[in-house]
Amino acid sequence: MMQVCLNGRRSAMDGACVPLSPEGLARSAAEAVAAGATEIHVHPKTPCGHDSLSPRVLAPTLEAIRARIPAPVGVTTGAWAEPDPAARLDRVRSWSVLPDFASVNWHEPGAEEVAEQLLARGVGVEAGIWSGTDGAARFAVSPLGPRVLRVLAEVTDPDPATAQASARALLAELGEAHGRPVLLHGEEGGAWPVLRLAGRLGLAIRIGLEDTLVLPDGERARSNAQLVGEALSQQACAQRSS
């Protein structure tokens, strides 16, 4: 499985290649799917570029993407978009157009309540387990663990020299992960080393302008589609060498 993360918490300050509007996100998603992506992860944005869980922001983004491609589309429920746990839960309850799945960061306050509400509404849950947090320990004892769609193992170590070691440590913390599939990914300088490790381990992978703005050689990426194409090439090489 190849997930593309279109924009994340980035803004217009990160360059014109980062899609922000519903139309820009839909265009970028379609190009990424044409390049080989099989799933979409997106952060819907307000007109001023802030992440939002509002149904008035979520619905146009999902509808624009779905008008262009049939691939599953997931969204964030990150606490930065709505810091108050009760308000975040109310936002999820108010969604009029539902994503196919949503990522829930297990170390954040109110994570299990948000995940339970998503599951009750028929939305798949990606359990976001970040390195350097207590997310793995909390997930290990969660009664919702066996019900999630997958584990999104996020390596927050941006150092290319140590990111793979951090990834292996995170996977060890996760253990059996309730038997759920694992998508392993890194960010910034750690994005490409972690992707290559995921390829060698046969895990699902993710890439996109949320995770990195550059190609493996350090050149600035032109688009999400270019990153997806390079990621699939890197994955194939890693699998051949494993």
Protein backbone atom coordinates (compact mmCIF):
# COMPACT_ATOMS: atom_id res chain seq x y z
CA MET A 1 0.00 0.00 0.00
CA MET A 2 1.31 3.40 -1.02
CA GLN A 3 -0.24 6.33 0.82
CA VAL A 4 0.40 9.88 -0.30
CA CYS A 5 0.23 12.64 2.35
CA LEU A 6 -0.59 15.71 0.31
CA ASN A 7 0.07 18.71 2.55
CA GLY A 8 0.12 18.09 6.32
CA ARG A 9 0.58 21.14 8.52
CA ARG A 10 2.51 23.01 5.83
CA SER A 11 1.46 26.37 4.50
CA ALA A 12 2.01 28.67 1.54
CA MET A 13 5.35 29.56 3.14
CA ASP A 14 6.57 26.08 2.15
CA GLY A 15 6.20 26.80 -1.56
CA ALA A 16 3.66 26.81 -4.34
CA CYS A 17 4.00 23.05 -4.81
CA VAL A 18 2.13 22.41 -1.51
CA PRO A 19 -1.61 22.08 -2.28
CA LEU A 20 -3.95 23.92 0.09
CA SER A 21 -7.31 24.59 -1.57
CA PRO A 22 -9.86 21.85 -2.31
CA GLU A 23 -9.18 22.20 -6.04
CA GLY A 24 -5.41 22.12 -5.57
CA LEU A 25 -5.64 19.10 -3.30
CA ALA A 26 -7.89 17.27 -5.77
CA ARG A 27 -5.49 17.95 -8.63
CA SER A 28 -2.48 16.85 -6.60
CA ALA A 29 -4.30 13.71 -5.42
CA ALA A 30 -5.20 12.75 -8.99
CA GLU A 31 -1.61 13.21 -10.15
CA ALA A 32 -0.31 11.16 -7.21
CA VAL A 33 -2.72 8.30 -7.93
CA ALA A 34 -1.65 8.36 -11.58
CA ALA A 35 1.95 8.01 -10.30
CA GLY A 36 1.04 4.95 -8.21
CA ALA A 37 -0.47 6.12 -4.91
CA THR A 38 -3.32 3.94 -3.66
CA GLU A 39 -4.58 6.05 -0.73
CA ILE A 40 -4.79 9.75 0.11
CA HIS A 41 -4.11 11.46 3.45
CA VAL A 42 -5.04 15.13 3.58
CA HIS A 43 -5.27 18.04 6.00
CA PRO A 44 -8.29 20.16 4.99
CA LYS A 45 -7.47 23.87 5.26
CA THR A 46 -9.38 27.05 5.95
CA PRO A 47 -9.07 29.78 3.29
CA CYS A 48 -6.27 31.30 5.39
CA GLY A 49 -4.38 28.01 5.39
CA HIS A 50 -5.00 26.58 8.86
CA ASP A 51 -5.82 22.92 9.51
CA SER A 52 -9.48 22.52 10.40
CA LEU A 53 -11.90 19.79 11.49
CA SER A 54 -14.94 21.91 10.67
CA PRO A 55 -17.51 20.16 8.46
CA ARG A 56 -17.62 23.32 6.33
CA VAL A 57 -13.94 22.84 5.54
CA LEU A 58 -13.83 19.04 5.45
CA ALA A 59 -16.75 18.47 3.07
CA PRO A 60 -15.55 20.58 0.09
CA THR A 61 -12.10 19.00 0.29
CA LEU A 62 -13.42 15.43 0.33
CA GLU A 63 -15.94 16.14 -2.41
CA ALA A 64 -13.34 17.76 -4.67
CA ILE A 65 -10.94 14.83 -4.32
CA ARG A 66 -13.65 12.20 -4.80
CA ALA A 67 -14.85 13.94 -7.94
CA ARG A 68 -11.42 13.26 -9.46
CA ILE A 69 -10.40 9.83 -8.12
CA PRO A 70 -11.92 6.71 -6.52
CA ALA A 71 -9.06 6.07 -4.06
CA PRO A 72 -9.79 6.03 -0.30
CA VAL A 73 -9.31 9.43 1.35
CA GLY A 74 -8.32 9.97 4.98
CA VAL A 75 -7.98 13.08 7.10
CA THR A 76 -6.21 14.20 10.24
CA THR A 77 -7.83 14.65 13.64
CA GLY A 78 -4.67 16.19 15.10
CA ALA A 79 -5.01 18.17 18.31
CA TRP A 80 -3.34 21.20 16.69
CA ALA A 81 -6.48 21.58 14.51
CA GLU A 82 -8.73 21.59 17.60
CA PRO A 83 -6.84 21.58 20.92
CA ASP A 84 -9.83 21.04 23.22
CA PRO A 85 -10.66 17.30 23.37
CA ALA A 86 -14.40 17.86 23.88
CA ALA A 87 -14.57 20.32 20.97
CA ARG A 88 -12.58 17.92 18.80
CA LEU A 89 -15.09 15.17 19.54
CA ASP A 90 -17.97 17.50 18.71
CA ARG A 91 -16.33 18.32 15.39
CA VAL A 92 -16.15 14.64 14.45
CA ARG A 93 -19.81 14.18 15.43
CA SER A 94 -20.77 17.12 13.19
CA TRP A 95 -19.13 15.89 9.98
CA SER A 96 -21.72 15.81 7.19
CA VAL A 97 -19.40 14.20 4.64
CA LEU A 98 -17.32 11.35 6.04
CA PRO A 99 -13.77 10.40 5.08
CA ASP A 100 -12.93 6.76 4.45
CA PHE A 101 -10.51 6.83 7.38
CA ALA A 102 -8.96 9.27 9.83
CA SER A 103 -5.69 9.28 11.73
CA VAL A 104 -5.93 9.56 15.52
CA ASN A 105 -2.73 10.30 17.42
CA TRP A 106 -2.88 7.97 20.41
CA HIS A 107 -0.73 10.14 22.67
CA GLU A 108 -3.10 13.10 22.42
CA PRO A 109 -5.73 13.78 25.11
CA GLY A 110 -9.12 12.41 24.07
CA ALA A 111 -7.69 10.10 21.40
CA GLU A 112 -9.70 7.03 22.36
CA GLU A 113 -12.96 8.98 22.52
CA VAL A 114 -12.34 10.39 19.04
CA ALA A 115 -11.42 6.93 17.71
CA GLU A 116 -14.55 5.40 19.25
CA GLN A 117 -16.75 8.06 17.68
CA LEU A 118 -15.14 7.53 14.27
CA LEU A 119 -15.66 3.79 14.47
CA ALA A 120 -19.30 4.30 15.50
CA ARG A 121 -19.78 6.42 12.37
CA GLY A 122 -18.21 3.78 10.12
CA VAL A 123 -14.95 5.65 9.56
CA GLY A 124 -11.74 3.61 9.61
CA VAL A 125 -9.16 4.61 12.21
CA GLU A 126 -5.43 4.88 11.67
CA ALA A 127 -3.87 4.68 15.13
CA GLY A 128 -1.10 7.25 14.95
CA ILE A 129 1.76 6.07 17.15
CA TRP A 130 4.57 8.63 17.32
CA SER A 131 8.08 7.81 18.42
CA GLY A 132 9.16 9.68 21.54
CA THR A 133 5.65 9.56 23.08
CA ASP A 134 3.69 7.13 25.24
CA GLY A 135 1.43 6.32 22.28
CA ALA A 136 2.67 2.75 21.87
CA ALA A 137 2.16 1.94 25.56
CA ARG A 138 -1.33 3.43 25.55
CA PHE A 139 -2.25 1.61 22.35
CA ALA A 140 -1.01 -1.72 23.73
CA VAL A 141 -3.70 -1.69 26.44
CA SER A 142 -6.46 -0.05 24.39
CA PRO A 143 -9.64 -2.10 23.88
CA LEU A 144 -10.00 -0.34 20.54
CA GLY A 145 -6.69 -1.73 19.27
CA PRO A 146 -8.12 -4.77 17.47
CA ARG A 147 -10.72 -2.58 15.74
CA VAL A 148 -8.47 -0.03 14.06
CA LEU A 149 -7.83 -0.11 10.33
CA ARG A 150 -4.06 0.04 10.74
CA VAL A 151 -1.25 1.44 12.86
CA LEU A 152 0.40 4.55 11.47
CA ALA A 153 3.89 4.31 12.98
CA GLU A 154 5.40 7.79 12.73
CA VAL A 155 9.13 8.25 13.30
CA THR A 156 9.61 11.82 14.48
CA ASP A 157 13.42 11.62 14.40
CA PRO A 158 14.44 13.89 11.48
CA ASP A 159 18.12 12.83 11.50
CA PRO A 160 18.89 10.62 8.48
CA ALA A 161 21.75 9.00 10.42
CA THR A 162 19.53 7.77 13.27
CA ALA A 163 15.97 7.62 11.88
CA GLN A 164 16.15 3.93 10.96
CA ALA A 165 17.29 3.00 14.47
CA SER A 166 14.44 5.10 15.87
CA ALA A 167 12.05 3.28 13.55
CA ARG A 168 13.21 -0.14 14.72
CA ALA A 169 12.81 0.97 18.33
CA LEU A 170 9.27 2.16 17.63
CA LEU A 171 8.36 -1.13 15.94
CA ALA A 172 9.74 -3.00 18.94
CA GLU A 173 7.56 -0.88 21.24
CA LEU A 174 4.52 -1.70 19.13
CA GLY A 175 5.14 -5.43 19.31
CA GLU A 176 2.23 -7.32 17.77
CA ALA A 177 0.18 -4.09 17.47
CA HIS A 178 -3.03 -6.01 18.14
CA GLY A 179 -2.41 -7.86 14.89
CA ARG A 180 -3.18 -4.79 12.80
CA PRO A 181 -1.27 -3.83 9.62
CA VAL A 182 1.50 -1.27 10.10
CA LEU A 183 2.31 1.69 7.87
CA LEU A 184 5.79 2.96 8.75
CA HIS A 185 6.93 6.45 7.76
CA GLY A 186 9.37 9.16 8.75
CA GLU A 187 9.52 12.90 8.38
CA GLU A 188 11.90 15.53 7.03
CA GLY A 189 15.46 14.12 6.93
CA GLY A 190 14.25 10.77 8.22
CA ALA A 191 11.55 10.29 5.57
CA TRP A 192 13.62 8.50 2.93
CA PRO A 193 15.72 6.29 5.26
CA VAL A 194 12.55 5.13 7.05
CA LEU A 195 10.77 4.52 3.76
CA ARG A 196 13.64 2.29 2.61
CA LEU A 197 13.46 0.35 5.89
CA ALA A 198 9.70 -0.08 5.49
CA GLY A 199 10.33 -1.45 2.00
CA ARG A 200 12.85 -3.99 3.30
CA LEU A 201 10.45 -5.07 6.04
CA GLY A 202 7.53 -5.41 3.65
CA LEU A 203 5.45 -2.77 5.43
CA ALA A 204 3.07 -0.27 3.86
CA ILE A 205 4.72 3.03 2.97
CA ARG A 206 3.79 6.69 2.81
CA ILE A 207 5.35 9.77 1.23
CA GLY A 208 4.26 13.24 0.27
CA LEU A 209 4.85 16.91 0.87
CA GLU A 210 3.63 16.55 4.46
CA ASP A 211 6.59 14.31 5.27
CA THR A 212 9.31 15.84 3.10
CA LEU A 213 9.83 18.61 0.59
CA VAL A 214 12.87 17.01 -1.02
CA LEU A 215 13.88 13.97 -3.06
CA PRO A 216 16.49 11.48 -1.78
CA ASP A 217 19.30 13.47 -3.41
CA GLY A 218 18.21 16.66 -1.62
CA GLU A 219 16.68 18.27 -4.70
CA ARG A 220 13.43 20.12 -4.06
CA ALA A 221 10.41 18.04 -5.08
CA ARG A 222 8.13 19.53 -7.70
CA SER A 223 4.99 17.69 -6.64
CA ASN A 224 3.47 14.88 -4.63
CA ALA A 225 3.40 12.80 -7.80
CA GLN A 226 7.17 13.09 -8.17
CA LEU A 227 7.64 11.97 -4.56
CA VAL A 228 5.32 8.98 -5.09
CA GLY A 229 7.18 7.87 -8.19
CA GLU A 230 10.52 8.09 -6.41
CA ALA A 231 9.12 6.28 -3.34
CA LEU A 232 7.92 3.35 -5.41
CA SER A 233 11.35 3.14 -7.07
CA GLN A 234 13.05 3.21 -3.66
CA GLN A 235 10.66 0.55 -2.33
CA ALA A 236 11.38 -1.75 -5.26
CA CYS A 237 15.12 -1.39 -4.74
CA ALA A 238 14.80 -2.05 -1.00
CA GLN A 239 12.76 -5.17 -1.58
CA ARG A 240 15.24 -6.52 -4.14
CA SER A 241 18.12 -6.03 -1.69
CA SER A 242 16.34 -7.55 1.32
